Amino acid sequence: MKKFMTALTLLVIFSQQAFAKNGQKAIYGTFDNEFISMKAPQKVREMATGISYLVDKRLVSHQSAIESVIYGQTLREQDNLCSDEKFSENTTAGFCTGFLVGKDIIVTAGHCVNEESKCKNTSFVFGVNHAKEEHRQFKIRRDNVYSCKKVLTSFYKKGTSYDYAVIQLDREVKYRHVFVLGDDNKVTEKSKVAMLGHPNGLALTYSAPAPVTQTWDTHVFRTTLDSFSGNSGSPVFDLATEKVMGILTGGQDDFEENGSCKNYAYYDYGSERVTRISKIKTIIEDYNRNK
């Protein structure tokens, strides 16, 4: 890939990514999402190493044998977010989140990667954090960029509850957190769950524990985690056990119009949709056992 991209090229790519996004999300109560930093709990920082940033390959440029750059734009430029809103001037480039569940296996939402061609055109990047953000770019180690080898399984059909994908990467991932999948039957309306991911394609953030609000559906449960479109595919986990209970897959609208720009949407009703992890747990366990 060329080291420099034209504004027109970037506009086309970001327009395609915006069109492909599905399942909006929103804010409930206080907006407390924060970039991962040394202020985060140690176990959250450790878990964060296993989070993958899904981004169009055309936005990734290999500058040298050791460095790559992800080209982006500000959240204000992408979504017409009002300039006084949180994260408005931060860089966005990715379209979804994934998480490591095996040496070379990523889980994400099905609507993020629903076919082989989409997977082949996606880079899976680890370590995309705020510290590496500079002038509408993320500067990262080249060896943190992975490609898709194969879609092991993917399911998404608009209007249905299931929404998941299991991706085999082009090589093994070393020295990063591998998430353990829990028993989502233990999730009750007294539970709280947390989340790690890339909201609106931003650098990695942590969503503090929020209540589970509905558990009656055998395919999904619902929560009031603050989340956005780029959080699709994020692991929703029990912070005490660090086990993943589900995949963030959808919710309410991210923004609301405010004249010439947009504000974040705040809600005192409704919730976000989480696909239960049990549907794919057996698939992943069988794959890891047979490797």
C-alpha atoms as a PDB file:
ATOM      1  CA  MET A   1       0.000   0.000   0.000  1.00  0.00           C
ATOM      2  CA  LYS A   2       1.202   3.534  -0.696  1.00  0.00           C
ATOM      3  CA  LYS A   3       2.355   5.472   2.327  1.00  0.00           C
ATOM      4  CA  PHE A   4       0.017   8.394   1.611  1.00  0.00           C
ATOM      5  CA  MET A   5      -3.678   8.275   0.843  1.00  0.00           C
ATOM      6  CA  THR A   6      -5.739  10.935  -0.871  1.00  0.00           C
ATOM      7  CA  ALA A   7      -8.665  12.579   0.884  1.00  0.00           C
ATOM      8  CA  LEU A   8     -10.987  11.125  -1.761  1.00  0.00           C
ATOM      9  CA  THR A   9      -9.753   7.579  -1.122  1.00  0.00           C
ATOM     10  CA  LEU A  10     -10.297   7.983   2.616  1.00  0.00           C
ATOM     11  CA  LEU A  11     -13.763   9.425   2.051  1.00  0.00           C
ATOM     12  CA  VAL A  12     -14.783   6.420  -0.074  1.00  0.00           C
ATOM     13  CA  ILE A  13     -13.482   3.894   2.484  1.00  0.00           C
ATOM     14  CA  PHE A  14     -15.097   5.593   5.477  1.00  0.00           C
ATOM     15  CA  SER A  15     -18.393   5.934   3.606  1.00  0.00           C
ATOM     16  CA  GLN A  16     -18.358   2.199   2.883  1.00  0.00           C
ATOM     17  CA  GLN A  17     -17.598   1.400   6.526  1.00  0.00           C
ATOM     18  CA  ALA A  18     -20.393   3.657   7.781  1.00  0.00           C
ATOM     19  CA  PHE A  19     -22.833   1.949   5.438  1.00  0.00           C
ATOM     20  CA  ALA A  20     -21.725  -1.484   6.656  1.00  0.00           C
ATOM     21  CA  LYS A  21     -22.218  -0.716  10.344  1.00  0.00           C
ATOM     22  CA  ASN A  22     -25.236  -2.257  11.963  1.00  0.00           C
ATOM     23  CA  GLY A  23     -26.816  -2.240  15.400  1.00  0.00           C
ATOM     24  CA  GLN A  24     -26.539   1.195  16.980  1.00  0.00           C
ATOM     25  CA  LYS A  25     -25.687   1.703  20.641  1.00  0.00           C
ATOM     26  CA  ALA A  26     -26.047   4.464  23.224  1.00  0.00           C
ATOM     27  CA  ILE A  27     -25.352   6.012  26.644  1.00  0.00           C
ATOM     28  CA  TYR A  28     -27.211   5.163  29.855  1.00  0.00           C
ATOM     29  CA  GLY A  29     -26.745   7.439  32.847  1.00  0.00           C
ATOM     30  CA  THR A  30     -23.233   8.895  33.155  1.00  0.00           C
ATOM     31  CA  PHE A  31     -20.919   8.525  30.150  1.00  0.00           C
ATOM     32  CA  ASP A  32     -17.935   6.897  31.872  1.00  0.00           C
ATOM     33  CA  ASN A  33     -16.135   5.140  29.003  1.00  0.00           C
ATOM     34  CA  GLU A  34     -12.407   5.811  29.202  1.00  0.00           C
ATOM     35  CA  PHE A  35      -9.360   4.995  27.123  1.00  0.00           C
ATOM     36  CA  ILE A  36      -7.225   2.198  28.550  1.00  0.00           C
ATOM     37  CA  SER A  37      -4.378   3.680  30.569  1.00  0.00           C
ATOM     38  CA  MET A  38      -2.325   2.931  33.653  1.00  0.00           C
ATOM     39  CA  LYS A  39      -5.277   4.232  35.693  1.00  0.00           C
ATOM     40  CA  ALA A  40      -7.359   1.202  34.694  1.00  0.00           C
ATOM     41  CA  PRO A  41      -7.443  -1.824  37.037  1.00  0.00           C
ATOM     42  CA  GLN A  42      -4.508  -4.139  36.392  1.00  0.00           C
ATOM     43  CA  LYS A  43      -6.652  -7.079  35.339  1.00  0.00           C
ATOM     44  CA  VAL A  44      -8.515  -4.848  32.872  1.00  0.00           C
ATOM     45  CA  ARG A  45      -5.181  -3.755  31.354  1.00  0.00           C
ATOM     46  CA  GLU A  46      -4.141  -7.395  31.034  1.00  0.00           C
ATOM     47  CA  MET A  47      -7.427  -8.386  29.410  1.00  0.00           C
ATOM     48  CA  ALA A  48      -7.156  -5.419  27.037  1.00  0.00           C
ATOM     49  CA  THR A  49      -4.122  -6.997  25.348  1.00  0.00           C
ATOM     50  CA  GLY A  50      -6.453  -9.600  23.820  1.00  0.00           C
ATOM     51  CA  ILE A  51      -8.722  -7.076  22.078  1.00  0.00           C
ATOM     52  CA  SER A  52      -8.527  -6.753  18.289  1.00  0.00           C
ATOM     53  CA  TYR A  53      -9.344  -3.710  16.162  1.00  0.00           C
ATOM     54  CA  LEU A  54     -11.126  -4.530  12.896  1.00  0.00           C
ATOM     55  CA  VAL A  55     -10.192  -2.107  10.125  1.00  0.00           C
ATOM     56  CA  ASP A  56     -10.333  -1.989   6.338  1.00  0.00           C
ATOM     57  CA  LYS A  57      -6.987  -3.208   4.964  1.00  0.00           C
ATOM     58  CA  ARG A  58      -6.798  -0.202   2.676  1.00  0.00           C
ATOM     59  CA  LEU A  59      -6.350   2.041   5.723  1.00  0.00           C
ATOM     60  CA  VAL A  60      -3.275   0.136   6.925  1.00  0.00           C
ATOM     61  CA  SER A  61       0.114   1.122   5.504  1.00  0.00           C
ATOM     62  CA  HIS A  62       3.300  -0.796   6.307  1.00  0.00           C
ATOM     63  CA  GLN A  63       5.887   1.970   6.643  1.00  0.00           C
ATOM     64  CA  SER A  64       8.860  -0.243   7.442  1.00  0.00           C
ATOM     65  CA  ALA A  65       9.783  -3.733   8.618  1.00  0.00           C
ATOM     66  CA  ILE A  66       8.696  -2.828  12.148  1.00  0.00           C
ATOM     67  CA  GLU A  67       6.126  -0.015  11.880  1.00  0.00           C
ATOM     68  CA  SER A  68       2.673   0.326  10.364  1.00  0.00           C
ATOM     69  CA  VAL A  69       0.229   3.211  10.269  1.00  0.00           C
ATOM     70  CA  ILE A  70      -3.561   3.143  10.342  1.00  0.00           C
ATOM     71  CA  TYR A  71      -5.022   6.182   8.578  1.00  0.00           C
ATOM     72  CA  GLY A  72      -8.155   7.729  10.076  1.00  0.00           C
ATOM     73  CA  GLN A  73     -10.108  10.882  10.698  1.00  0.00           C
ATOM     74  CA  THR A  74     -11.586  12.518  13.772  1.00  0.00           C
ATOM     75  CA  LEU A  75     -14.909  11.394  15.190  1.00  0.00           C
ATOM     76  CA  ARG A  76     -16.187  14.915  14.527  1.00  0.00           C
ATOM     77  CA  GLU A  77     -15.267  14.562  10.860  1.00  0.00           C
ATOM     78  CA  GLN A  78     -16.727  11.070  10.534  1.00  0.00           C
ATOM     79  CA  ASP A  79     -20.046  11.499  12.322  1.00  0.00           C
ATOM     80  CA  ASN A  80     -20.470  15.287  12.469  1.00  0.00           C
ATOM     81  CA  LEU A  81     -20.173  15.063  16.249  1.00  0.00           C
ATOM     82  CA  CYS A  82     -20.361  18.435  17.992  1.00  0.00           C
ATOM     83  CA  SER A  83     -16.881  19.719  18.820  1.00  0.00           C
ATOM     84  CA  ASP A  84     -17.559  19.973  22.565  1.00  0.00           C
ATOM     85  CA  GLU A  85     -18.491  16.277  22.877  1.00  0.00           C
ATOM     86  CA  LYS A  86     -16.138  13.730  24.449  1.00  0.00           C
ATOM     87  CA  PHE A  87     -13.777  12.049  21.938  1.00  0.00           C
ATOM     88  CA  SER A  88     -14.843  14.416  19.118  1.00  0.00           C
ATOM     89  CA  GLU A  89     -11.237  15.183  18.154  1.00  0.00           C
ATOM     90  CA  ASN A  90      -9.925  11.659  18.627  1.00  0.00           C
ATOM     91  CA  THR A  91      -8.979   9.399  15.739  1.00  0.00           C
ATOM     92  CA  THR A  92     -11.360   6.803  14.327  1.00  0.00           C
ATOM     93  CA  ALA A  93     -10.611   4.231  11.626  1.00  0.00           C
ATOM     94  CA  GLY A  94     -11.967   0.791  12.633  1.00  0.00           C
ATOM     95  CA  PHE A  95     -15.479  -0.533  12.217  1.00  0.00           C
ATOM     96  CA  CYS A  96     -15.784  -3.344  14.796  1.00  0.00           C
ATOM     97  CA  THR A  97     -14.087  -5.108  17.712  1.00  0.00           C
ATOM     98  CA  GLY A  98     -12.910  -8.698  18.167  1.00  0.00           C
ATOM     99  CA  PHE A  99     -11.361 -10.682  21.009  1.00  0.00           C
ATOM    100  CA  LEU A 100      -8.858 -13.517  21.209  1.00  0.00           C
ATOM    101  CA  VAL A 101     -10.225 -16.912  22.315  1.00  0.00           C
ATOM    102  CA  GLY A 102      -7.423 -19.202  21.096  1.00  0.00           C
ATOM    103  CA  LYS A 103      -3.871 -18.988  19.791  1.00  0.00           C
ATOM    104  CA  ASP A 104      -5.110 -17.863  16.379  1.00  0.00           C
ATOM    105  CA  ILE A 105      -8.872 -17.441  16.856  1.00  0.00           C
ATOM    106  CA  ILE A 106     -10.879 -14.219  17.068  1.00  0.00           C
ATOM    107  CA  VAL A 107     -14.568 -13.861  17.944  1.00  0.00           C
ATOM    108  CA  THR A 108     -16.599 -10.884  16.728  1.00  0.00           C
ATOM    109  CA  ALA A 109     -20.157 -10.065  15.671  1.00  0.00           C
ATOM    110  CA  GLY A 110     -21.538 -11.771  12.590  1.00  0.00           C
ATOM    111  CA  HIS A 111     -22.603  -8.519  10.943  1.00  0.00           C
ATOM    112  CA  CYS A 112     -18.974  -7.333  11.143  1.00  0.00           C
ATOM    113  CA  VAL A 113     -17.584 -10.225   9.090  1.00  0.00           C
ATOM    114  CA  ASN A 114     -20.378 -12.124   7.399  1.00  0.00           C
ATOM    115  CA  GLU A 115     -18.498 -13.584   4.429  1.00  0.00           C
ATOM    116  CA  GLU A 116     -15.021 -14.644   3.314  1.00  0.00           C
ATOM    117  CA  SER A 117     -14.490 -11.616   1.061  1.00  0.00           C
ATOM    118  CA  LYS A 118     -15.172  -9.208   3.922  1.00  0.00           C
ATOM    119  CA  CYS A 119     -12.781 -11.146   6.139  1.00  0.00           C
ATOM    120  CA  LYS A 120     -10.003 -11.131   3.538  1.00  0.00           C
ATOM    121  CA  ASN A 121     -10.296  -7.351   3.223  1.00  0.00           C
ATOM    122  CA  THR A 122     -10.048  -6.781   6.981  1.00  0.00           C
ATOM    123  CA  SER A 123      -6.963  -6.287   9.135  1.00  0.00           C
ATOM    124  CA  PHE A 124      -7.146  -7.497  12.743  1.00  0.00           C
ATOM    125  CA  VAL A 125      -4.893  -5.271  14.819  1.00  0.00           C
ATOM    126  CA  PHE A 126      -3.914  -5.589  18.471  1.00  0.00           C
ATOM    127  CA  GLY A 127      -2.718  -2.791  20.723  1.00  0.00           C
ATOM    128  CA  VAL A 128      -4.578   0.111  19.107  1.00  0.00           C
ATOM    129  CA  ASN A 129      -4.623   2.468  22.076  1.00  0.00           C
ATOM    130  CA  HIS A 130      -4.701   6.200  22.689  1.00  0.00           C
ATOM    131  CA  ALA A 131      -0.975   6.392  23.346  1.00  0.00           C
ATOM    132  CA  LYS A 132      -0.348   5.452  19.701  1.00  0.00           C
ATOM    133  CA  GLU A 133      -2.706   8.099  18.308  1.00  0.00           C
ATOM    134  CA  GLU A 134      -1.090  10.932  16.364  1.00  0.00           C
ATOM    135  CA  HIS A 135      -2.431  13.378  13.753  1.00  0.00           C
ATOM    136  CA  ARG A 136      -5.439  11.278  12.633  1.00  0.00           C
ATOM    137  CA  GLN A 137      -3.309   8.139  12.620  1.00  0.00           C
ATOM    138  CA  PHE A 138      -2.407   5.211  14.829  1.00  0.00           C
ATOM    139  CA  LYS A 139       1.263   4.239  14.727  1.00  0.00           C
ATOM    140  CA  ILE A 140       1.638   0.573  15.623  1.00  0.00           C
ATOM    141  CA  ARG A 141       4.083  -2.304  15.485  1.00  0.00           C
ATOM    142  CA  ARG A 142       3.782  -4.139  12.192  1.00  0.00           C
ATOM    143  CA  ASP A 143       3.766  -7.519  13.942  1.00  0.00           C
ATOM    144  CA  ASN A 144       0.505  -6.526  15.688  1.00  0.00           C
ATOM    145  CA  VAL A 145      -1.312  -6.576  12.330  1.00  0.00           C
ATOM    146  CA  TYR A 146      -2.966  -9.860  11.369  1.00  0.00           C
ATOM    147  CA  SER A 147      -4.988 -11.051   8.394  1.00  0.00           C
ATOM    148  CA  CYS A 148      -7.900 -13.433   7.984  1.00  0.00           C
ATOM    149  CA  LYS A 149      -7.048 -17.002   7.073  1.00  0.00           C
ATOM    150  CA  LYS A 150     -10.558 -18.401   7.284  1.00  0.00           C
ATOM    151  CA  VAL A 151     -14.072 -17.767   8.553  1.00  0.00           C
ATOM    152  CA  LEU A 152     -14.702 -20.802  10.760  1.00  0.00           C
ATOM    153  CA  THR A 153     -18.331 -19.877  11.328  1.00  0.00           C
ATOM    154  CA  SER A 154     -20.480 -16.791  10.915  1.00  0.00           C
ATOM    155  CA  PHE A 155     -24.157 -16.107  11.364  1.00  0.00           C
ATOM    156  CA  TYR A 156     -26.116 -12.919  10.951  1.00  0.00           C
ATOM    157  CA  LYS A 157     -29.604 -12.355   9.676  1.00  0.00           C
ATOM    158  CA  LYS A 158     -31.291  -9.033  10.245  1.00  0.00           C
ATOM    159  CA  GLY A 159     -34.199  -9.345  12.641  1.00  0.00           C
ATOM    160  CA  THR A 160     -32.874 -12.484  14.360  1.00  0.00           C
ATOM    161  CA  SER A 161     -31.124 -12.824  17.712  1.00  0.00           C
ATOM    162  CA  TYR A 162     -27.974 -14.670  16.670  1.00  0.00           C
ATOM    163  CA  ASP A 163     -25.066 -12.500  15.542  1.00  0.00           C
ATOM    164  CA  TYR A 164     -21.571 -13.992  15.773  1.00  0.00           C
ATOM    165  CA  ALA A 165     -18.450 -14.915  13.821  1.00  0.00           C
ATOM    166  CA  VAL A 166     -15.371 -17.002  14.601  1.00  0.00           C
ATOM    167  CA  ILE A 167     -12.279 -16.099  12.572  1.00  0.00           C
ATOM    168  CA  GLN A 168      -8.980 -17.941  12.155  1.00  0.00           C
ATOM    169  CA  LEU A 169      -6.062 -15.525  11.784  1.00  0.00           C
ATOM    170  CA  ASP A 170      -3.121 -15.977   9.445  1.00  0.00           C
ATOM    171  CA  ARG A 171      -0.768 -16.885  12.312  1.00  0.00           C
ATOM    172  CA  GLU A 172      -0.690 -17.443  16.064  1.00  0.00           C
ATOM    173  CA  VAL A 173      -0.892 -14.489  18.440  1.00  0.00           C
ATOM    174  CA  LYS A 174       1.677 -14.576  21.243  1.00  0.00           C
ATOM    175  CA  TYR A 175       1.922 -12.897  24.635  1.00  0.00           C
ATOM    176  CA  ARG A 176      -1.653 -11.595  24.686  1.00  0.00           C
ATOM    177  CA  HIS A 177      -4.650 -12.350  26.856  1.00  0.00           C
ATOM    178  CA  VAL A 178      -6.810 -15.234  25.677  1.00  0.00           C
ATOM    179  CA  PHE A 179     -10.369 -14.788  26.894  1.00  0.00           C
ATOM    180  CA  VAL A 180     -12.099 -17.638  28.721  1.00  0.00           C
ATOM    181  CA  LEU A 181     -15.728 -18.244  27.795  1.00  0.00           C
ATOM    182  CA  GLY A 182     -18.131 -18.508  30.713  1.00  0.00           C
ATOM    183  CA  ASP A 183     -21.534 -19.998  31.405  1.00  0.00           C
ATOM    184  CA  ASP A 184     -24.093 -17.403  30.315  1.00  0.00           C
ATOM    185  CA  ASN A 185     -26.800 -19.300  32.210  1.00  0.00           C
ATOM    186  CA  LYS A 186     -25.288 -17.727  35.317  1.00  0.00           C
ATOM    187  CA  VAL A 187     -26.179 -14.239  34.069  1.00  0.00           C
ATOM    188  CA  THR A 188     -29.207 -12.963  35.989  1.00  0.00           C
ATOM    189  CA  GLU A 189     -30.991  -9.644  36.350  1.00  0.00           C
ATOM    190  CA  LYS A 190     -28.889  -9.128  39.483  1.00  0.00           C
ATOM    191  CA  SER A 191     -25.659  -9.391  37.470  1.00  0.00           C
ATOM    192  CA  LYS A 192     -23.381  -6.625  36.267  1.00  0.00           C
ATOM    193  CA  VAL A 193     -21.177  -6.918  33.205  1.00  0.00           C
ATOM    194  CA  ALA A 194     -18.255  -4.896  31.815  1.00  0.00           C
ATOM    195  CA  MET A 195     -16.858  -4.482  28.309  1.00  0.00           C
ATOM    196  CA  LEU A 196     -13.680  -3.703  26.365  1.00  0.00           C
ATOM    197  CA  GLY A 197     -13.746  -2.487  22.790  1.00  0.00           C
ATOM    198  CA  HIS A 198     -13.400   0.189  20.147  1.00  0.00           C
ATOM    199  CA  PRO A 199     -16.519   2.421  20.246  1.00  0.00           C
ATOM    200  CA  ASN A 200     -17.038   4.255  16.954  1.00  0.00           C
ATOM    201  CA  GLY A 201     -13.660   2.969  15.771  1.00  0.00           C
ATOM    202  CA  LEU A 202     -11.769   4.861  18.464  1.00  0.00           C
ATOM    203  CA  ALA A 203      -8.770   3.634  20.446  1.00  0.00           C
ATOM    204  CA  LEU A 204      -9.416   0.896  23.013  1.00  0.00           C
ATOM    205  CA  THR A 205     -11.807   1.832  25.830  1.00  0.00           C
ATOM    206  CA  TYR A 206     -13.206   0.221  28.950  1.00  0.00           C
ATOM    207  CA  SER A 207     -16.918   0.335  29.784  1.00  0.00           C
ATOM    208  CA  ALA A 208     -17.406   0.053  33.538  1.00  0.00           C
ATOM    209  CA  PRO A 209     -19.792  -2.609  34.907  1.00  0.00           C
ATOM    210  CA  ALA A 210     -23.473  -1.985  34.217  1.00  0.00           C
ATOM    211  CA  PRO A 211     -26.635  -3.899  35.152  1.00  0.00           C
ATOM    212  CA  VAL A 212     -28.115  -6.754  33.168  1.00  0.00           C
ATOM    213  CA  THR A 213     -31.751  -5.842  32.522  1.00  0.00           C
ATOM    214  CA  GLN A 214     -33.259  -8.858  30.709  1.00  0.00           C
ATOM    215  CA  THR A 215     -32.306 -12.542  30.630  1.00  0.00           C
ATOM    216  CA  TRP A 216     -35.435 -14.384  29.507  1.00  0.00           C
ATOM    217  CA  ASP A 217     -34.307 -14.836  25.870  1.00  0.00           C
ATOM    218  CA  THR A 218     -32.279 -18.015  25.270  1.00  0.00           C
ATOM    219  CA  HIS A 219     -30.267 -16.325  22.502  1.00  0.00           C
ATOM    220  CA  VAL A 220     -29.477 -12.918  23.988  1.00  0.00           C
ATOM    221  CA  PHE A 221     -29.459 -10.931  27.199  1.00  0.00           C
ATOM    222  CA  ARG A 222     -29.678  -7.164  27.566  1.00  0.00           C
ATOM    223  CA  THR A 223     -27.688  -4.589  29.537  1.00  0.00           C
ATOM    224  CA  THR A 224     -27.255  -0.838  29.950  1.00  0.00           C
ATOM    225  CA  LEU A 225     -23.562  -0.762  29.066  1.00  0.00           C
ATOM    226  CA  ASP A 226     -22.578   2.442  27.268  1.00  0.00           C
ATOM    227  CA  SER A 227     -21.716   1.269  23.760  1.00  0.00           C
ATOM    228  CA  PHE A 228     -21.505   2.403  20.158  1.00  0.00           C
ATOM    229  CA  SER A 229     -21.357   0.983  16.648  1.00  0.00           C
ATOM    230  CA  GLY A 230     -17.642   0.083  16.778  1.00  0.00           C
ATOM    231  CA  ASN A 231     -18.326  -1.948  19.931  1.00  0.00           C
ATOM    232  CA  SER A 232     -20.015  -4.610  17.823  1.00  0.00           C
ATOM    233  CA  GLY A 233     -18.063  -7.782  18.564  1.00  0.00           C
ATOM    234  CA  SER A 234     -16.805  -6.577  21.954  1.00  0.00           C
ATOM    235  CA  PRO A 235     -16.543  -9.117  24.770  1.00  0.00           C
ATOM    236  CA  VAL A 236     -19.106  -8.581  27.540  1.00  0.00           C
ATOM    237  CA  PHE A 237     -17.703 -10.179  30.671  1.00  0.00           C
ATOM    238  CA  ASP A 238     -18.073 -10.743  34.383  1.00  0.00           C
ATOM    239  CA  LEU A 239     -15.282  -8.607  35.849  1.00  0.00           C
ATOM    240  CA  ALA A 240     -14.949 -10.808  38.963  1.00  0.00           C
ATOM    241  CA  THR A 241     -14.307 -14.022  37.017  1.00  0.00           C
ATOM    242  CA  GLU A 242     -12.974 -12.357  33.820  1.00  0.00           C
ATOM    243  CA  LYS A 243     -15.100 -14.811  31.806  1.00  0.00           C
ATOM    244  CA  VAL A 244     -16.934 -13.726  28.666  1.00  0.00           C
ATOM    245  CA  MET A 245     -20.711 -14.082  28.856  1.00  0.00           C
ATOM    246  CA  GLY A 246     -21.615 -12.606  25.484  1.00  0.00           C
ATOM    247  CA  ILE A 247     -20.845 -10.495  22.416  1.00  0.00           C
ATOM    248  CA  LEU A 248     -22.129  -6.924  22.123  1.00  0.00           C
ATOM    249  CA  THR A 249     -24.207  -6.853  18.932  1.00  0.00           C
ATOM    250  CA  GLY A 250     -26.714  -3.987  18.947  1.00  0.00           C
ATOM    251  CA  GLY A 251     -28.827  -1.384  20.677  1.00  0.00           C
ATOM    252  CA  GLN A 252     -30.254   2.107  20.376  1.00  0.00           C
ATOM    253  CA  ASP A 253     -29.102   5.046  18.233  1.00  0.00           C
ATOM    254  CA  ASP A 254     -25.662   6.512  18.997  1.00  0.00           C
ATOM    255  CA  PHE A 255     -26.435  10.154  18.277  1.00  0.00           C
ATOM    256  CA  GLU A 256     -29.189  12.736  18.062  1.00  0.00           C
ATOM    257  CA  GLU A 257     -29.335  15.767  15.795  1.00  0.00           C
ATOM    258  CA  ASN A 258     -28.590  19.158  17.316  1.00  0.00           C
ATOM    259  CA  GLY A 259     -28.900  21.694  14.527  1.00  0.00           C
ATOM    260  CA  SER A 260     -25.637  21.749  12.585  1.00  0.00           C
ATOM    261  CA  CYS A 261     -24.016  18.843  14.457  1.00  0.00           C
ATOM    262  CA  LYS A 262     -24.794  15.741  16.525  1.00  0.00           C
ATOM    263  CA  ASN A 263     -24.703  14.977  20.231  1.00  0.00           C
ATOM    264  CA  TYR A 264     -24.431  11.608  21.937  1.00  0.00           C
ATOM    265  CA  ALA A 265     -27.824  10.083  22.673  1.00  0.00           C
ATOM    266  CA  TYR A 266     -28.621   9.542  26.364  1.00  0.00           C
ATOM    267  CA  TYR A 267     -31.395   7.183  27.468  1.00  0.00           C
ATOM    268  CA  ASP A 268     -33.270   6.483  30.682  1.00  0.00           C
ATOM    269  CA  TYR A 269     -35.029   3.547  29.041  1.00  0.00           C
ATOM    270  CA  GLY A 270     -34.153   0.617  26.763  1.00  0.00           C
ATOM    271  CA  SER A 271     -30.969  -1.437  26.637  1.00  0.00           C
ATOM    272  CA  GLU A 272     -28.224  -2.973  24.482  1.00  0.00           C
ATOM    273  CA  ARG A 273     -28.303  -6.452  22.936  1.00  0.00           C
ATOM    274  CA  VAL A 274     -25.702  -9.098  23.832  1.00  0.00           C
ATOM    275  CA  THR A 275     -25.560 -12.414  21.946  1.00  0.00           C
ATOM    276  CA  ARG A 276     -24.996 -15.210  24.463  1.00  0.00           C
ATOM    277  CA  ILE A 277     -21.606 -16.881  24.241  1.00  0.00           C
ATOM    278  CA  SER A 278     -22.983 -20.424  24.637  1.00  0.00           C
ATOM    279  CA  LYS A 279     -23.923 -20.618  20.949  1.00  0.00           C
ATOM    280  CA  ILE A 280     -20.294 -20.609  19.841  1.00  0.00           C
ATOM    281  CA  LYS A 281     -18.560 -21.921  22.953  1.00  0.00           C
ATOM    282  CA  THR A 282     -18.666 -25.555  21.809  1.00  0.00           C
ATOM    283  CA  ILE A 283     -17.368 -24.633  18.344  1.00  0.00           C
ATOM    284  CA  ILE A 284     -14.344 -22.861  19.807  1.00  0.00           C
ATOM    285  CA  GLU A 285     -13.614 -25.529  22.405  1.00  0.00           C
ATOM    286  CA  ASP A 286     -13.715 -28.275  19.766  1.00  0.00           C
ATOM    287  CA  TYR A 287     -11.400 -26.292  17.485  1.00  0.00           C
ATOM    288  CA  ASN A 288      -8.852 -25.575  20.230  1.00  0.00           C
ATOM    289  CA  ARG A 289      -8.954 -29.193  21.416  1.00  0.00           C
ATOM    290  CA  ASN A 290      -8.281 -30.533  17.904  1.00  0.00           C
ATOM    291  CA  LYS A 291      -5.399 -28.205  17.047  1.00  0.00           C
END
